[in-house]
Amino acid sequence: MDMNSAIKENISFDVIAPNYDKTRHRDEAITKKMAHQALASLNITNPEDICCLEGGVGSGTILLPFIEAGVNATGVDISKEMLREFEIKLKKRGIPYRYHSTLTAHKGLSESIKVQLIHGSILDMQLEEKAFDLIISALIFHLIKDWKRLIEIYSHLLKQDGFLLIIDEESDFLNIQSGVECKNIRRDSDLRRFMEIYDNIRIDHGFPAIKESIPGTFSKKALRNEIARHGLKQVRQLDNLSWHYNVNCKDIIYNLKKRATSALQVIPQNTQMRLVEITLEEALQKGIDIDKQYQITHSFRVSVISL
């Protein structure tokens, strides 16, 4: 079976690549702080001696500060356009890199270039076993049907004394758009009412509810069990890093139009635009204030896993 099919159907980050960073509201200073915190926690004093891998590297938001700290980095992603966004960042900073297609990115990666970008599924890569001191897995497990195989791959690629960083994030702004329970935004808020209208409209047009649009067996408990099954263990949890920003319904409208989350990718672009128009019309009729601002708390959680 082509393992690229394990990437969940209808999710095309090529579509949203140019707008991805804008729709995620991640703070560059926080990601840099997270990288330095992680390296310090692992007692890595010579980053230039570290070989680091991130599967599902995307636009490079997470990996980039590790690169700037000096590590040798390999980033793998199935989206060519997301990798292109990463290339723009590297070029802007004058950081040399080498780009590989899936067909050429087998075992012989260049040692003269500190940054390697590989276009392809992490599930297909034929990389050398026990080649990495540090592996980063950021916000990827929920996007892969065969996520258990990803744990197996990471356990083979990680050196005996290496570490796996599992990075998760918490944001009510993203939760609202993914059908996940929100802790800090009232149910009767205009943000949540707007998304409820949209969700009902997509159901009326024959599409699944948002929370039903990301099928799979992934859960945090299942992830912990799978980590243990492969002889991996969590050694520590780093301090959460949080930041704040304001959003309103117009931000949600922008994300809906761009189909900025995986749950929105099941609907064709033209149809999605029409659903957003209908949602906006009904929301205004119901007196929803699309300009009202809400403060969102966004945070990263980092778990350190070792063999």
C-alpha atoms as a PDB file:
ATOM      1  CA  MET A   1       0.000   0.000   0.000  1.00  0.00           C
ATOM      2  CA  ASP A   2       1.198   3.513  -0.773  1.00  0.00           C
ATOM      3  CA  MET A   3       1.876   4.916   2.687  1.00  0.00           C
ATOM      4  CA  ASN A   4       1.086   8.418   1.458  1.00  0.00           C
ATOM      5  CA  SER A   5      -2.532   7.255   1.611  1.00  0.00           C
ATOM      6  CA  ALA A   6      -2.099   7.063   5.371  1.00  0.00           C
ATOM      7  CA  ILE A   7      -2.167  10.848   5.426  1.00  0.00           C
ATOM      8  CA  LYS A   8      -5.806  11.600   6.042  1.00  0.00           C
ATOM      9  CA  GLU A   9      -7.895  12.043   2.942  1.00  0.00           C
ATOM     10  CA  ASN A  10      -8.904  15.496   1.704  1.00  0.00           C
ATOM     11  CA  ILE A  11      -6.267  17.334   3.771  1.00  0.00           C
ATOM     12  CA  SER A  12      -4.240  19.515   1.423  1.00  0.00           C
ATOM     13  CA  PHE A  13      -1.844  21.839   3.166  1.00  0.00           C
ATOM     14  CA  ASP A  14      -0.666  22.878  -0.310  1.00  0.00           C
ATOM     15  CA  VAL A  15      -3.933  24.809  -0.505  1.00  0.00           C
ATOM     16  CA  ILE A  16      -3.438  26.795   2.697  1.00  0.00           C
ATOM     17  CA  ALA A  17       0.379  27.056   2.706  1.00  0.00           C
ATOM     18  CA  PRO A  18       0.672  30.782   1.849  1.00  0.00           C
ATOM     19  CA  ASN A  19      -1.768  31.643   4.642  1.00  0.00           C
ATOM     20  CA  TYR A  20      -0.881  28.925   7.158  1.00  0.00           C
ATOM     21  CA  ASP A  21       1.225  30.985   9.562  1.00  0.00           C
ATOM     22  CA  LYS A  22      -1.281  33.844   9.557  1.00  0.00           C
ATOM     23  CA  THR A  23      -4.124  31.509  10.542  1.00  0.00           C
ATOM     24  CA  ARG A  24      -2.197  29.921  13.426  1.00  0.00           C
ATOM     25  CA  HIS A  25      -1.267  33.068  15.403  1.00  0.00           C
ATOM     26  CA  ARG A  26       1.928  31.470  16.744  1.00  0.00           C
ATOM     27  CA  ASP A  27       4.325  33.829  18.469  1.00  0.00           C
ATOM     28  CA  GLU A  28       7.855  33.757  16.994  1.00  0.00           C
ATOM     29  CA  ALA A  29       9.427  34.837  20.282  1.00  0.00           C
ATOM     30  CA  ILE A  30       7.665  31.982  22.080  1.00  0.00           C
ATOM     31  CA  THR A  31       8.792  29.332  19.579  1.00  0.00           C
ATOM     32  CA  LYS A  32      12.360  30.611  19.955  1.00  0.00           C
ATOM     33  CA  LYS A  33      12.051  30.475  23.748  1.00  0.00           C
ATOM     34  CA  MET A  34      10.650  26.947  23.500  1.00  0.00           C
ATOM     35  CA  ALA A  35      13.636  25.793  21.437  1.00  0.00           C
ATOM     36  CA  HIS A  36      16.157  27.270  23.874  1.00  0.00           C
ATOM     37  CA  GLN A  37      14.220  25.838  26.822  1.00  0.00           C
ATOM     38  CA  ALA A  38      14.219  22.379  25.224  1.00  0.00           C
ATOM     39  CA  LEU A  39      17.947  22.424  24.413  1.00  0.00           C
ATOM     40  CA  ALA A  40      18.803  23.619  27.923  1.00  0.00           C
ATOM     41  CA  SER A  41      16.558  20.974  29.486  1.00  0.00           C
ATOM     42  CA  LEU A  42      18.383  18.263  27.512  1.00  0.00           C
ATOM     43  CA  ASN A  43      21.780  19.686  28.559  1.00  0.00           C
ATOM     44  CA  ILE A  44      22.711  20.301  24.935  1.00  0.00           C
ATOM     45  CA  THR A  45      25.591  22.759  25.118  1.00  0.00           C
ATOM     46  CA  ASN A  46      26.971  22.099  21.613  1.00  0.00           C
ATOM     47  CA  PRO A  47      23.957  22.205  19.255  1.00  0.00           C
ATOM     48  CA  GLU A  48      26.228  21.929  16.228  1.00  0.00           C
ATOM     49  CA  ASP A  49      26.892  18.292  17.249  1.00  0.00           C
ATOM     50  CA  ILE A  50      23.172  17.452  17.256  1.00  0.00           C
ATOM     51  CA  CYS A  51      21.308  15.846  14.347  1.00  0.00           C
ATOM     52  CA  CYS A  52      17.623  16.776  14.534  1.00  0.00           C
ATOM     53  CA  LEU A  53      14.597  15.545  12.543  1.00  0.00           C
ATOM     54  CA  GLU A  54      11.093  16.950  12.324  1.00  0.00           C
ATOM     55  CA  GLY A  55       8.424  14.984  10.464  1.00  0.00           C
ATOM     56  CA  GLY A  56       5.581  17.154   9.209  1.00  0.00           C
ATOM     57  CA  VAL A  57       7.832  20.193   9.401  1.00  0.00           C
ATOM     58  CA  GLY A  58       5.434  22.357   7.391  1.00  0.00           C
ATOM     59  CA  SER A  59       6.472  25.998   7.117  1.00  0.00           C
ATOM     60  CA  GLY A  60       9.274  25.459   9.630  1.00  0.00           C
ATOM     61  CA  THR A  61       7.817  27.506  12.485  1.00  0.00           C
ATOM     62  CA  ILE A  62       8.896  24.987  15.138  1.00  0.00           C
ATOM     63  CA  LEU A  63      12.165  23.756  13.629  1.00  0.00           C
ATOM     64  CA  LEU A  64      13.581  27.122  12.574  1.00  0.00           C
ATOM     65  CA  PRO A  65      14.667  28.337  16.056  1.00  0.00           C
ATOM     66  CA  PHE A  66      16.450  24.996  16.608  1.00  0.00           C
ATOM     67  CA  ILE A  67      18.311  25.610  13.334  1.00  0.00           C
ATOM     68  CA  GLU A  68      19.179  29.148  14.405  1.00  0.00           C
ATOM     69  CA  ALA A  69      20.516  27.702  17.666  1.00  0.00           C
ATOM     70  CA  GLY A  70      22.962  25.617  15.606  1.00  0.00           C
ATOM     71  CA  VAL A  71      21.571  22.085  15.233  1.00  0.00           C
ATOM     72  CA  ASN A  72      21.893  20.050  12.041  1.00  0.00           C
ATOM     73  CA  ALA A  73      18.307  19.674  10.894  1.00  0.00           C
ATOM     74  CA  THR A  74      16.264  17.498   8.545  1.00  0.00           C
ATOM     75  CA  GLY A  75      12.685  18.561   7.868  1.00  0.00           C
ATOM     76  CA  VAL A  76      10.239  16.240   6.106  1.00  0.00           C
ATOM     77  CA  ASP A  77       6.811  17.202   4.798  1.00  0.00           C
ATOM     78  CA  ILE A  78       4.306  15.833   2.303  1.00  0.00           C
ATOM     79  CA  SER A  79       3.294  19.331   1.213  1.00  0.00           C
ATOM     80  CA  LYS A  80       5.569  20.885  -1.392  1.00  0.00           C
ATOM     81  CA  GLU A  81       3.995  24.303  -0.879  1.00  0.00           C
ATOM     82  CA  MET A  82       4.511  24.243   2.894  1.00  0.00           C
ATOM     83  CA  LEU A  83       8.173  23.411   2.306  1.00  0.00           C
ATOM     84  CA  ARG A  84       8.313  26.342  -0.093  1.00  0.00           C
ATOM     85  CA  GLU A  85       7.191  28.627   2.742  1.00  0.00           C
ATOM     86  CA  PHE A  86       9.995  27.158   4.875  1.00  0.00           C
ATOM     87  CA  GLU A  87      12.482  27.820   2.056  1.00  0.00           C
ATOM     88  CA  ILE A  88      11.421  31.487   1.997  1.00  0.00           C
ATOM     89  CA  LYS A  89      12.247  31.786   5.707  1.00  0.00           C
ATOM     90  CA  LEU A  90      15.622  30.105   5.288  1.00  0.00           C
ATOM     91  CA  LYS A  91      16.559  32.307   2.324  1.00  0.00           C
ATOM     92  CA  LYS A  92      15.475  35.433   4.184  1.00  0.00           C
ATOM     93  CA  ARG A  93      17.857  34.517   7.013  1.00  0.00           C
ATOM     94  CA  GLY A  94      20.682  33.491   4.694  1.00  0.00           C
ATOM     95  CA  ILE A  95      20.673  29.900   5.992  1.00  0.00           C
ATOM     96  CA  PRO A  96      22.037  27.372   3.444  1.00  0.00           C
ATOM     97  CA  TYR A  97      19.878  24.298   2.841  1.00  0.00           C
ATOM     98  CA  ARG A  98      19.433  21.441   0.417  1.00  0.00           C
ATOM     99  CA  TYR A  99      16.092  20.303  -1.002  1.00  0.00           C
ATOM    100  CA  HIS A 100      15.439  16.640  -1.780  1.00  0.00           C
ATOM    101  CA  SER A 101      12.576  14.932  -3.563  1.00  0.00           C
ATOM    102  CA  THR A 102      11.296  11.678  -2.081  1.00  0.00           C
ATOM    103  CA  LEU A 103      13.135   9.709  -4.772  1.00  0.00           C
ATOM    104  CA  THR A 104      16.540  11.180  -3.966  1.00  0.00           C
ATOM    105  CA  ALA A 105      16.213  11.552  -0.202  1.00  0.00           C
ATOM    106  CA  HIS A 106      17.307   8.125   0.862  1.00  0.00           C
ATOM    107  CA  LYS A 107      20.254   7.331   3.112  1.00  0.00           C
ATOM    108  CA  GLY A 108      22.949   9.560   1.686  1.00  0.00           C
ATOM    109  CA  LEU A 109      22.079  12.987   3.066  1.00  0.00           C
ATOM    110  CA  SER A 110      24.752  15.657   2.624  1.00  0.00           C
ATOM    111  CA  GLU A 111      26.894  16.420   5.658  1.00  0.00           C
ATOM    112  CA  SER A 112      28.211  19.679   4.204  1.00  0.00           C
ATOM    113  CA  ILE A 113      24.797  21.397   4.397  1.00  0.00           C
ATOM    114  CA  LYS A 114      23.362  21.703   7.893  1.00  0.00           C
ATOM    115  CA  VAL A 115      19.709  21.920   6.804  1.00  0.00           C
ATOM    116  CA  GLN A 116      18.002  19.277   4.667  1.00  0.00           C
ATOM    117  CA  LEU A 117      14.411  19.586   3.401  1.00  0.00           C
ATOM    118  CA  ILE A 118      12.720  16.449   2.116  1.00  0.00           C
ATOM    119  CA  HIS A 119       9.463  16.421   0.170  1.00  0.00           C
ATOM    120  CA  GLY A 120       7.520  13.272   0.979  1.00  0.00           C
ATOM    121  CA  SER A 121       5.703  11.331   3.654  1.00  0.00           C
ATOM    122  CA  ILE A 122       7.672  10.657   6.821  1.00  0.00           C
ATOM    123  CA  LEU A 123       6.131   7.177   6.633  1.00  0.00           C
ATOM    124  CA  ASP A 124       7.975   6.557   3.342  1.00  0.00           C
ATOM    125  CA  MET A 125      11.428   7.873   4.246  1.00  0.00           C
ATOM    126  CA  GLN A 126      14.320   5.434   4.068  1.00  0.00           C
ATOM    127  CA  LEU A 127      16.556   7.228   6.519  1.00  0.00           C
ATOM    128  CA  GLU A 128      19.415   5.595   8.383  1.00  0.00           C
ATOM    129  CA  GLU A 129      18.408   3.953  11.676  1.00  0.00           C
ATOM    130  CA  LYS A 130      19.641   5.499  14.922  1.00  0.00           C
ATOM    131  CA  ALA A 131      20.678   8.603  12.967  1.00  0.00           C
ATOM    132  CA  PHE A 132      19.124  11.345  15.092  1.00  0.00           C
ATOM    133  CA  ASP A 133      19.927  12.744  18.516  1.00  0.00           C
ATOM    134  CA  LEU A 134      16.695  14.712  18.601  1.00  0.00           C
ATOM    135  CA  ILE A 135      13.338  14.158  16.886  1.00  0.00           C
ATOM    136  CA  ILE A 136      10.568  16.750  16.982  1.00  0.00           C
ATOM    137  CA  SER A 137       6.949  15.752  16.510  1.00  0.00           C
ATOM    138  CA  ALA A 138       4.783  18.848  16.534  1.00  0.00           C
ATOM    139  CA  LEU A 139       1.025  18.749  15.954  1.00  0.00           C
ATOM    140  CA  ILE A 140       1.125  15.844  13.498  1.00  0.00           C
ATOM    141  CA  PHE A 141      -0.305  12.675  15.096  1.00  0.00           C
ATOM    142  CA  HIS A 142      -3.948  13.699  14.632  1.00  0.00           C
ATOM    143  CA  LEU A 143      -3.360  14.119  10.876  1.00  0.00           C
ATOM    144  CA  ILE A 144      -2.082  10.596  10.237  1.00  0.00           C
ATOM    145  CA  LYS A 145      -4.305   7.542  10.136  1.00  0.00           C
ATOM    146  CA  ASP A 146      -1.437   5.142  10.820  1.00  0.00           C
ATOM    147  CA  TRP A 147       0.016   7.299  13.599  1.00  0.00           C
ATOM    148  CA  LYS A 148       1.144   4.206  15.530  1.00  0.00           C
ATOM    149  CA  ARG A 149       3.561   3.408  12.717  1.00  0.00           C
ATOM    150  CA  LEU A 150       4.993   6.894  13.131  1.00  0.00           C
ATOM    151  CA  ILE A 151       5.953   6.056  16.725  1.00  0.00           C
ATOM    152  CA  GLU A 152       7.616   2.890  15.446  1.00  0.00           C
ATOM    153  CA  ILE A 153       9.575   4.862  12.843  1.00  0.00           C
ATOM    154  CA  TYR A 154      10.710   7.420  15.393  1.00  0.00           C
ATOM    155  CA  SER A 155      11.874   4.679  17.767  1.00  0.00           C
ATOM    156  CA  HIS A 156      14.057   3.236  14.959  1.00  0.00           C
ATOM    157  CA  LEU A 157      15.488   6.603  13.939  1.00  0.00           C
ATOM    158  CA  LEU A 158      16.294   7.809  17.450  1.00  0.00           C
ATOM    159  CA  LYS A 159      19.764   7.188  18.885  1.00  0.00           C
ATOM    160  CA  GLN A 160      19.971   5.199  22.104  1.00  0.00           C
ATOM    161  CA  ASP A 161      20.669   8.317  24.153  1.00  0.00           C
ATOM    162  CA  GLY A 162      18.454  10.564  22.012  1.00  0.00           C
ATOM    163  CA  PHE A 163      15.225  12.384  22.780  1.00  0.00           C
ATOM    164  CA  LEU A 164      11.824  12.754  21.138  1.00  0.00           C
ATOM    165  CA  LEU A 165      10.032  16.049  21.729  1.00  0.00           C
ATOM    166  CA  ILE A 166       6.251  15.790  21.377  1.00  0.00           C
ATOM    167  CA  ILE A 167       4.840  19.295  21.046  1.00  0.00           C
ATOM    168  CA  ASP A 168       1.150  19.971  21.495  1.00  0.00           C
ATOM    169  CA  GLU A 169      -0.734  23.255  21.624  1.00  0.00           C
ATOM    170  CA  GLU A 170      -3.853  24.545  23.302  1.00  0.00           C
ATOM    171  CA  SER A 171      -5.898  27.396  21.823  1.00  0.00           C
ATOM    172  CA  ASP A 172      -9.615  28.037  22.144  1.00  0.00           C
ATOM    173  CA  PHE A 173      -9.465  29.859  18.815  1.00  0.00           C
ATOM    174  CA  LEU A 174      -8.315  26.655  17.093  1.00  0.00           C
ATOM    175  CA  ASN A 175     -10.622  24.508  19.249  1.00  0.00           C
ATOM    176  CA  ILE A 176     -13.678  26.489  18.197  1.00  0.00           C
ATOM    177  CA  GLN A 177     -12.827  25.846  14.556  1.00  0.00           C
ATOM    178  CA  SER A 178     -12.180  22.139  15.151  1.00  0.00           C
ATOM    179  CA  GLY A 179     -15.310  21.319  17.128  1.00  0.00           C
ATOM    180  CA  VAL A 180     -13.316  20.804  20.318  1.00  0.00           C
ATOM    181  CA  GLU A 181     -14.573  21.900  23.740  1.00  0.00           C
ATOM    182  CA  CYS A 182     -13.474  25.407  24.719  1.00  0.00           C
ATOM    183  CA  LYS A 183     -12.410  26.218  28.260  1.00  0.00           C
ATOM    184  CA  ASN A 184     -12.387  29.996  28.254  1.00  0.00           C
ATOM    185  CA  ILE A 185     -14.879  31.157  25.611  1.00  0.00           C
ATOM    186  CA  ARG A 186     -18.514  31.202  26.754  1.00  0.00           C
ATOM    187  CA  ARG A 187     -20.965  29.113  24.782  1.00  0.00           C
ATOM    188  CA  ASP A 188     -23.185  32.168  24.219  1.00  0.00           C
ATOM    189  CA  SER A 189     -20.288  34.256  22.884  1.00  0.00           C
ATOM    190  CA  ASP A 190     -20.562  35.564  19.334  1.00  0.00           C
ATOM    191  CA  LEU A 191     -17.491  33.512  18.325  1.00  0.00           C
ATOM    192  CA  ARG A 192     -19.068  30.207  19.327  1.00  0.00           C
ATOM    193  CA  ARG A 193     -22.519  31.153  18.063  1.00  0.00           C
ATOM    194  CA  PHE A 194     -21.005  31.986  14.654  1.00  0.00           C
ATOM    195  CA  MET A 195     -19.262  28.608  14.442  1.00  0.00           C
ATOM    196  CA  GLU A 196     -22.423  26.777  15.546  1.00  0.00           C
ATOM    197  CA  ILE A 197     -24.318  28.447  12.701  1.00  0.00           C
ATOM    198  CA  TYR A 198     -21.595  27.417  10.250  1.00  0.00           C
ATOM    199  CA  ASP A 199     -21.564  23.856  11.577  1.00  0.00           C
ATOM    200  CA  ASN A 200     -25.337  23.529  11.218  1.00  0.00           C
ATOM    201  CA  ILE A 201     -25.218  24.920   7.684  1.00  0.00           C
ATOM    202  CA  ARG A 202     -22.538  22.475   6.575  1.00  0.00           C
ATOM    203  CA  ILE A 203     -24.619  19.622   8.014  1.00  0.00           C
ATOM    204  CA  ASP A 204     -27.694  20.922   6.177  1.00  0.00           C
ATOM    205  CA  HIS A 205     -25.666  20.801   2.951  1.00  0.00           C
ATOM    206  CA  GLY A 206     -24.714  17.167   3.458  1.00  0.00           C
ATOM    207  CA  PHE A 207     -21.274  17.540   5.034  1.00  0.00           C
ATOM    208  CA  PRO A 208     -20.230  16.040   8.391  1.00  0.00           C
ATOM    209  CA  ALA A 209     -20.072  18.153  11.518  1.00  0.00           C
ATOM    210  CA  ILE A 210     -16.641  19.635  12.163  1.00  0.00           C
ATOM    211  CA  LYS A 211     -15.837  17.309  15.067  1.00  0.00           C
ATOM    212  CA  GLU A 212     -16.649  14.316  12.842  1.00  0.00           C
ATOM    213  CA  SER A 213     -14.382  15.445  10.010  1.00  0.00           C
ATOM    214  CA  ILE A 214     -11.105  14.199  11.485  1.00  0.00           C
ATOM    215  CA  PRO A 215     -11.586  10.422  11.766  1.00  0.00           C
ATOM    216  CA  GLY A 216      -9.062   8.193  13.477  1.00  0.00           C
ATOM    217  CA  THR A 217      -8.164   6.440  16.700  1.00  0.00           C
ATOM    218  CA  PHE A 218      -5.673   8.986  17.995  1.00  0.00           C
ATOM    219  CA  SER A 219      -5.988  10.065  21.610  1.00  0.00           C
ATOM    220  CA  LYS A 220      -3.481  11.188  24.207  1.00  0.00           C
ATOM    221  CA  LYS A 221      -4.048   8.007  26.223  1.00  0.00           C
ATOM    222  CA  ALA A 222      -3.511   5.824  23.139  1.00  0.00           C
ATOM    223  CA  LEU A 223      -0.356   7.797  22.363  1.00  0.00           C
ATOM    224  CA  ARG A 224       1.041   7.182  25.860  1.00  0.00           C
ATOM    225  CA  ASN A 225       0.318   3.456  25.527  1.00  0.00           C
ATOM    226  CA  GLU A 226       1.993   3.247  22.123  1.00  0.00           C
ATOM    227  CA  ILE A 227       5.066   5.114  23.381  1.00  0.00           C
ATOM    228  CA  ALA A 228       5.414   2.607  26.222  1.00  0.00           C
ATOM    229  CA  ARG A 229       4.910  -0.346  23.851  1.00  0.00           C
ATOM    230  CA  HIS A 230       7.994   0.698  21.873  1.00  0.00           C
ATOM    231  CA  GLY A 231      10.176   0.987  24.973  1.00  0.00           C
ATOM    232  CA  LEU A 232       9.995   4.765  25.052  1.00  0.00           C
ATOM    233  CA  LYS A 233       9.265   6.686  28.217  1.00  0.00           C
ATOM    234  CA  GLN A 234       8.392  10.241  29.154  1.00  0.00           C
ATOM    235  CA  VAL A 235      11.193  11.686  31.236  1.00  0.00           C
ATOM    236  CA  ARG A 236       9.863  15.187  31.787  1.00  0.00           C
ATOM    237  CA  GLN A 237       7.316  17.810  30.824  1.00  0.00           C
ATOM    238  CA  LEU A 238       8.674  21.266  30.070  1.00  0.00           C
ATOM    239  CA  ASP A 239       6.987  24.346  31.448  1.00  0.00           C
ATOM    240  CA  ASN A 240       4.050  25.497  29.325  1.00  0.00           C
ATOM    241  CA  LEU A 241       4.735  28.592  27.243  1.00  0.00           C
ATOM    242  CA  SER A 242       1.735  30.857  26.663  1.00  0.00           C
ATOM    243  CA  TRP A 243       0.897  34.041  24.800  1.00  0.00           C
ATOM    244  CA  HIS A 244      -2.242  36.103  24.160  1.00  0.00           C
ATOM    245  CA  TYR A 245      -3.916  37.751  21.193  1.00  0.00           C
ATOM    246  CA  ASN A 246      -7.319  39.126  20.220  1.00  0.00           C
ATOM    247  CA  VAL A 247      -9.650  37.648  17.602  1.00  0.00           C
ATOM    248  CA  ASN A 248     -13.168  38.227  16.326  1.00  0.00           C
ATOM    249  CA  CYS A 249     -15.592  36.568  13.933  1.00  0.00           C
ATOM    250  CA  LYS A 250     -13.813  38.174  10.990  1.00  0.00           C
ATOM    251  CA  ASP A 251     -10.725  36.111  11.867  1.00  0.00           C
ATOM    252  CA  ILE A 252     -12.875  32.978  11.828  1.00  0.00           C
ATOM    253  CA  ILE A 253     -14.394  34.021   8.491  1.00  0.00           C
ATOM    254  CA  TYR A 254     -10.881  34.400   7.052  1.00  0.00           C
ATOM    255  CA  ASN A 255      -9.882  30.930   8.267  1.00  0.00           C
ATOM    256  CA  LEU A 256     -13.104  29.372   6.987  1.00  0.00           C
ATOM    257  CA  LYS A 257     -12.595  30.879   3.541  1.00  0.00           C
ATOM    258  CA  LYS A 258      -8.993  29.655   3.456  1.00  0.00           C
ATOM    259  CA  ARG A 259     -10.057  26.182   4.755  1.00  0.00           C
ATOM    260  CA  ALA A 260      -7.289  26.656   7.276  1.00  0.00           C
ATOM    261  CA  THR A 261      -7.799  23.525   9.403  1.00  0.00           C
ATOM    262  CA  SER A 262      -7.947  19.862   8.458  1.00  0.00           C
ATOM    263  CA  ALA A 263     -11.647  19.713   9.419  1.00  0.00           C
ATOM    264  CA  LEU A 264     -12.412  22.282   6.720  1.00  0.00           C
ATOM    265  CA  GLN A 265     -10.575  20.430   3.958  1.00  0.00           C
ATOM    266  CA  VAL A 266     -13.443  17.978   3.345  1.00  0.00           C
ATOM    267  CA  ILE A 267     -15.422  20.712   1.553  1.00  0.00           C
ATOM    268  CA  PRO A 268     -14.484  21.943  -1.960  1.00  0.00           C
ATOM    269  CA  GLN A 269     -13.316  25.564  -2.096  1.00  0.00           C
ATOM    270  CA  ASN A 270     -16.245  26.975  -4.106  1.00  0.00           C
ATOM    271  CA  THR A 271     -18.787  25.215  -1.902  1.00  0.00           C
ATOM    272  CA  GLN A 272     -16.996  26.405   1.226  1.00  0.00           C
ATOM    273  CA  MET A 273     -17.135  30.014   0.065  1.00  0.00           C
ATOM    274  CA  ARG A 274     -20.885  29.700  -0.436  1.00  0.00           C
ATOM    275  CA  LEU A 275     -21.366  28.141   3.021  1.00  0.00           C
ATOM    276  CA  VAL A 276     -19.433  31.008   4.598  1.00  0.00           C
ATOM    277  CA  GLU A 277     -21.630  33.548   2.789  1.00  0.00           C
ATOM    278  CA  ILE A 278     -24.771  31.835   4.078  1.00  0.00           C
ATOM    279  CA  THR A 279     -23.305  31.664   7.587  1.00  0.00           C
ATOM    280  CA  LEU A 280     -22.429  35.352   7.600  1.00  0.00           C
ATOM    281  CA  GLU A 281     -25.882  36.330   6.364  1.00  0.00           C
ATOM    282  CA  GLU A 282     -27.618  34.284   9.066  1.00  0.00           C
ATOM    283  CA  ALA A 283     -25.203  35.485  11.768  1.00  0.00           C
ATOM    284  CA  LEU A 284     -25.908  39.127  10.976  1.00  0.00           C
ATOM    285  CA  GLN A 285     -29.645  38.446  10.982  1.00  0.00           C
ATOM    286  CA  LYS A 286     -29.279  37.002  14.481  1.00  0.00           C
ATOM    287  CA  GLY A 287     -27.446  40.070  15.724  1.00  0.00           C
ATOM    288  CA  ILE A 288     -23.974  38.563  16.030  1.00  0.00           C
ATOM    289  CA  ASP A 289     -21.293  41.245  16.345  1.00  0.00           C
ATOM    290  CA  ILE A 290     -18.546  40.102  13.983  1.00  0.00           C
ATOM    291  CA  ASP A 291     -16.217  42.880  15.184  1.00  0.00           C
ATOM    292  CA  LYS A 292     -16.336  42.060  18.900  1.00  0.00           C
ATOM    293  CA  GLN A 293     -12.860  41.155  20.189  1.00  0.00           C
ATOM    294  CA  TYR A 294     -12.068  38.164  22.410  1.00  0.00           C
ATOM    295  CA  GLN A 295      -8.732  37.543  24.102  1.00  0.00           C
ATOM    296  CA  ILE A 296      -7.308  34.114  23.336  1.00  0.00           C
ATOM    297  CA  THR A 297      -4.665  32.302  25.365  1.00  0.00           C
ATOM    298  CA  HIS A 298      -2.443  30.076  23.234  1.00  0.00           C
ATOM    299  CA  SER A 299       0.133  27.707  24.705  1.00  0.00           C
ATOM    300  CA  PHE A 300       2.676  25.059  23.802  1.00  0.00           C
ATOM    301  CA  ARG A 301       3.177  21.885  25.845  1.00  0.00           C
ATOM    302  CA  VAL A 302       6.379  19.899  25.344  1.00  0.00           C
ATOM    303  CA  SER A 303       6.866  16.316  26.487  1.00  0.00           C
ATOM    304  CA  VAL A 304      10.394  14.871  26.485  1.00  0.00           C
ATOM    305  CA  ILE A 305      10.530  11.184  25.532  1.00  0.00           C
ATOM    306  CA  SER A 306      13.594   8.917  25.619  1.00  0.00           C
ATOM    307  CA  LEU A 307      14.514   5.290  24.875  1.00  0.00           C
END
